Amino acid sequence: MGLARRRTESIGPGHQTPLTRGTVVRWTAVGLLVTAAVLVLILPWPLPYEETVAEIMDERSSYLQEQCRMIAESAGNGSSTGGGYTTQSRQQQQQQPFHNYFLQPRLGLLWCSISKVASTTWMYQFNRWAGVSDEKLAYAASDLKALARMYYPVPTRADVEEIRRDPARYAKSPVVRFMLVRDPIDRFVSAYEDLIVRPQSANYRNLRRFIFREVYGVDVPLEKNGNVTSLPVPSFSDFTEYVLRKVKVLDPHWNSYYNLCDPCFLQPTVIVKLETYERDVAHLLQLLNLSSSSTGYHAEDFATRRLNVNHNREQKTDDGGKRASTMARLAELSGEQFERLYHRFELDFRLFQYDASQYFALFRED
């Protein structure tokens, strides 16, 4: 009896059984989980890592240079900057003019202009940087490129090589080498809509006749609409067929980026995409120390003066990010036509990391 009493007394109010300790542990764990959940909700925890714009630009530039190296190796010359030719051809190539390159020496900016990719806005700005008055800009609004050439001489290949090697001789050091691109098919459709459907010059109104003559072998009769005589509008399929057949007629509005700018030679350090225009341009202006209007270089124009930064960019896109009008126009093509069209711009898609899978899906058999 004494032993039993001592055992009973040893389990008093101040002593916990193993079962009671387990219950306390479980409730303690629940309390900690609840506390942790509340802290996650109310505390300003850091967001997941996101690339900076500078890192995105570095990645775009590095990717392009790697693709250029692979293209050069597949061509057998082992160089992405023009190697593999004789001394004589090398001397000739050194004098090759780069008609689309514009060097702004005070800012240290070398730009390759591409039609249908905000070129009007940037040509306007380059003229402003050269000191051209608003009155003169308004007078020459239809040909800002010719106006800009009065202040920016056409550089040769040798000039560009020297700018890369010793930028201080031409501009402040270092020189930002800059390209602005957009989805190649989107740009091609935009060229059709702006130059063929809604031509602003007699040259492109007359081009309608050449398109019909090339595709159908006959002149299309003029249409009379009241007192106005005009040519009917070629379909997007007709326009595409004309462009694909005229291999040597390389209009700058639908010529490829690869042909217009030779990006493997330029090796751009900043690649602005029209799809992320505002963010990318803000980064470029920061590199040029133009983020404030106090610089005197009219940086505020990019924020307040919306000069034809491609109105097509504002159109609605589908879930895949493609413009609705682009997808609708492509639906007018045959699968064979689209294959040929894509092949024309394949290097542009490859070098600037554009995805054509959604376009191919339009022509995929079920």
Foldseek 3Di string as FASTA:
>chain_A
DVVVVVVVVVPDPVDDDPVRVVVVVVVVVVVVVVVVVVCVVPPPDDDPDDDDLLVVLQVLLVLLLVVLQVVCVVVPQRASADGDDDPVVVVVQQQAWQLQWFADAALLEIEGAFPLQQNLVVLVLLCVLLVDDPVVCVVCSVCSSVVSCVRTPTHGLNRLVCLCVPVVVRHPPNHAYEYEEEDLLLLVVVCLCDQQVPNPDPVSQVVQQVLCCVPPVDGDDWDDDDPDTGRDGDALQSVLVSPLVPVVPQDSSNQEPCVNPVCSNNSGSGYHYLLCHVSRVCVVCVVSVNNDCVVVSPSCCVVPPPDPSPPQSPADDDPVRHHPVSLVSLLVYALVSVVSVCVSHVVVCSSRVNDCVVSNVSHDDD
